[in-house]
Amino acid sequence: MFYYKEIISKLPRKELEKIGEAVGIGLAS
């Protein structure tokens, strides 16, 4: 799960929200 955070940190905010909704996880929070 750590590598996942590294990838997320390099993505734009909008992409994060899009992925979060698709996965069903509140990544923004």
PDB file of N, CA and C in Angstrom:
ATOM      1  N   MET A   1       0.835  -1.195   0.000  1.00  0.00           N
ATOM      2  CA  MET A   1       0.000   0.000   0.000  1.00  0.00           C
ATOM      3  C   MET A   1       0.872   1.247   0.000  1.00  0.00           C
ATOM      4  N   PHE A   2       2.136   1.098   0.372  1.00  0.00           N
ATOM      5  CA  PHE A   2       3.033   2.254   0.447  1.00  0.00           C
ATOM      6  C   PHE A   2       3.346   2.786  -0.950  1.00  0.00           C
ATOM      7  N   TYR A   3       3.581   1.889  -1.877  1.00  0.00           N
ATOM      8  CA  TYR A   3       3.864   2.325  -3.247  1.00  0.00           C
ATOM      9  C   TYR A   3       2.669   3.066  -3.827  1.00  0.00           C
ATOM     10  N   TYR A   4       1.480   2.678  -3.371  1.00  0.00           N
ATOM     11  CA  TYR A   4       0.251   3.330  -3.834  1.00  0.00           C
ATOM     12  C   TYR A   4       0.248   4.795  -3.437  1.00  0.00           C
ATOM     13  N   LYS A   5       0.718   5.059  -2.214  1.00  0.00           N
ATOM     14  CA  LYS A   5       0.756   6.445  -1.733  1.00  0.00           C
ATOM     15  C   LYS A   5       1.758   7.257  -2.555  1.00  0.00           C
ATOM     16  N   GLU A   6       2.849   6.627  -2.950  1.00  0.00           N
ATOM     17  CA  GLU A   6       3.851   7.342  -3.752  1.00  0.00           C
ATOM     18  C   GLU A   6       3.259   7.752  -5.092  1.00  0.00           C
ATOM     19  N   ILE A   7       2.545   6.836  -5.707  1.00  0.00           N
ATOM     20  CA  ILE A   7       1.919   7.137  -7.002  1.00  0.00           C
ATOM     21  C   ILE A   7       0.882   8.238  -6.839  1.00  0.00           C
ATOM     22  N   ILE A   8       0.083   8.135  -5.787  1.00  0.00           N
ATOM     23  CA  ILE A   8      -0.975   9.121  -5.540  1.00  0.00           C
ATOM     24  C   ILE A   8      -0.384  10.508  -5.357  1.00  0.00           C
ATOM     25  N   SER A   9       0.722  10.588  -4.640  1.00  0.00           N
ATOM     26  CA  SER A   9       1.316  11.897  -4.346  1.00  0.00           C
ATOM     27  C   SER A   9       1.772  12.604  -5.615  1.00  0.00           C
ATOM     28  N   LYS A  10       1.937  11.854  -6.704  1.00  0.00           N
ATOM     29  CA  LYS A  10       2.407  12.454  -7.956  1.00  0.00           C
ATOM     30  C   LYS A  10       1.257  12.779  -8.907  1.00  0.00           C
ATOM     31  N   LEU A  11       0.034  12.417  -8.511  1.00  0.00           N
ATOM     32  CA  LEU A  11      -1.111  12.661  -9.383  1.00  0.00           C
ATOM     33  C   LEU A  11      -1.783  13.981  -9.059  1.00  0.00           C
ATOM     34  N   PRO A  12      -2.436  14.583 -10.053  1.00  0.00           N
ATOM     35  CA  PRO A  12      -3.191  15.823  -9.832  1.00  0.00           C
ATOM     36  C   PRO A  12      -4.376  15.568  -8.914  1.00  0.00           C
ATOM     37  N   ARG A  13      -4.841  16.636  -8.274  1.00  0.00           N
ATOM     38  CA  ARG A  13      -5.946  16.525  -7.314  1.00  0.00           C
ATOM     39  C   ARG A  13      -7.197  15.926  -7.967  1.00  0.00           C
ATOM     40  N   LYS A  14      -7.510  16.389  -9.159  1.00  0.00           N
ATOM     41  CA  LYS A  14      -8.724  15.906  -9.836  1.00  0.00           C
ATOM     42  C   LYS A  14      -8.617  14.414 -10.131  1.00  0.00           C
ATOM     43  N   GLU A  15      -7.443  13.977 -10.519  1.00  0.00           N
ATOM     44  CA  GLU A  15      -7.250  12.551 -10.795  1.00  0.00           C
ATOM     45  C   GLU A  15      -7.427  11.743  -9.520  1.00  0.00           C
ATOM     46  N   LEU A  16      -6.934  12.278  -8.413  1.00  0.00           N
ATOM     47  CA  LEU A  16      -7.072  11.597  -7.124  1.00  0.00           C
ATOM     48  C   LEU A  16      -8.538  11.412  -6.781  1.00  0.00           C
ATOM     49  N   GLU A  17      -9.314  12.468  -6.934  1.00  0.00           N
ATOM     50  CA  GLU A  17     -10.738  12.395  -6.605  1.00  0.00           C
ATOM     51  C   GLU A  17     -11.448  11.396  -7.519  1.00  0.00           C
ATOM     52  N   LYS A  18     -11.065  11.405  -8.794  1.00  0.00           N
ATOM     53  CA  LYS A  18     -11.683  10.491  -9.751  1.00  0.00           C
ATOM     54  C   LYS A  18     -11.384   9.041  -9.376  1.00  0.00           C
ATOM     55  N   ILE A  19     -10.122   8.788  -9.038  1.00  0.00           N
ATOM     56  CA  ILE A  19      -9.717   7.437  -8.637  1.00  0.00           C
ATOM     57  C   ILE A  19     -10.400   7.058  -7.328  1.00  0.00           C
ATOM     58  N   GLY A  20     -10.453   8.008  -6.400  1.00  0.00           N
ATOM     59  CA  GLY A  20     -11.072   7.744  -5.105  1.00  0.00           C
ATOM     60  C   GLY A  20     -12.524   7.337  -5.254  1.00  0.00           C
ATOM     61  N   GLU A  21     -13.239   8.028  -6.114  1.00  0.00           N
ATOM     62  CA  GLU A  21     -14.649   7.702  -6.321  1.00  0.00           C
ATOM     63  C   GLU A  21     -14.785   6.339  -6.993  1.00  0.00           C
ATOM     64  N   ALA A  22     -13.902   6.057  -7.926  1.00  0.00           N
ATOM     65  CA  ALA A  22     -13.962   4.788  -8.644  1.00  0.00           C
ATOM     66  C   ALA A  22     -13.651   3.621  -7.707  1.00  0.00           C
ATOM     67  N   VAL A  23     -12.684   3.827  -6.834  1.00  0.00           N
ATOM     68  CA  VAL A  23     -12.279   2.761  -5.914  1.00  0.00           C
ATOM     69  C   VAL A  23     -13.202   2.724  -4.701  1.00  0.00           C
ATOM     70  N   GLY A  24     -13.846   3.850  -4.428  1.00  0.00           N
ATOM     71  CA  GLY A  24     -14.755   3.913  -3.292  1.00  0.00           C
ATOM     72  C   GLY A  24     -14.014   4.220  -2.004  1.00  0.00           C
ATOM     73  N   ILE A  25     -12.881   4.906  -2.136  1.00  0.00           N
ATOM     74  CA  ILE A  25     -12.083   5.251  -0.953  1.00  0.00           C
ATOM     75  C   ILE A  25     -11.891   6.758  -0.897  1.00  0.00           C
ATOM     76  N   GLY A  26     -12.031   7.333   0.273  1.00  0.00           N
ATOM     77  CA  GLY A  26     -11.830   8.774   0.417  1.00  0.00           C
ATOM     78  C   GLY A  26     -10.353   9.088   0.517  1.00  0.00           C
ATOM     79  N   LEU A  27      -9.681   9.139  -0.627  1.00  0.00           N
ATOM     80  CA  LEU A  27      -8.241   9.386  -0.610  1.00  0.00           C
ATOM     81  C   LEU A  27      -7.932  10.821  -0.205  1.00  0.00           C
ATOM     82  N   ALA A  28      -8.852  11.720  -0.496  1.00  0.00           N
ATOM     83  CA  ALA A  28      -8.612  13.130  -0.198  1.00  0.00           C
ATOM     84  C   ALA A  28      -8.588  13.367   1.308  1.00  0.00           C
ATOM     85  N   SER A  29      -9.360  12.562   2.042  1.00  0.00           N
ATOM     86  CA  SER A  29      -9.451  12.766   3.491  1.00  0.00           C
ATOM     87  C   SER A  29      -8.418  11.971   4.270  1.00  0.00           C
TER      88      SER A  29
END
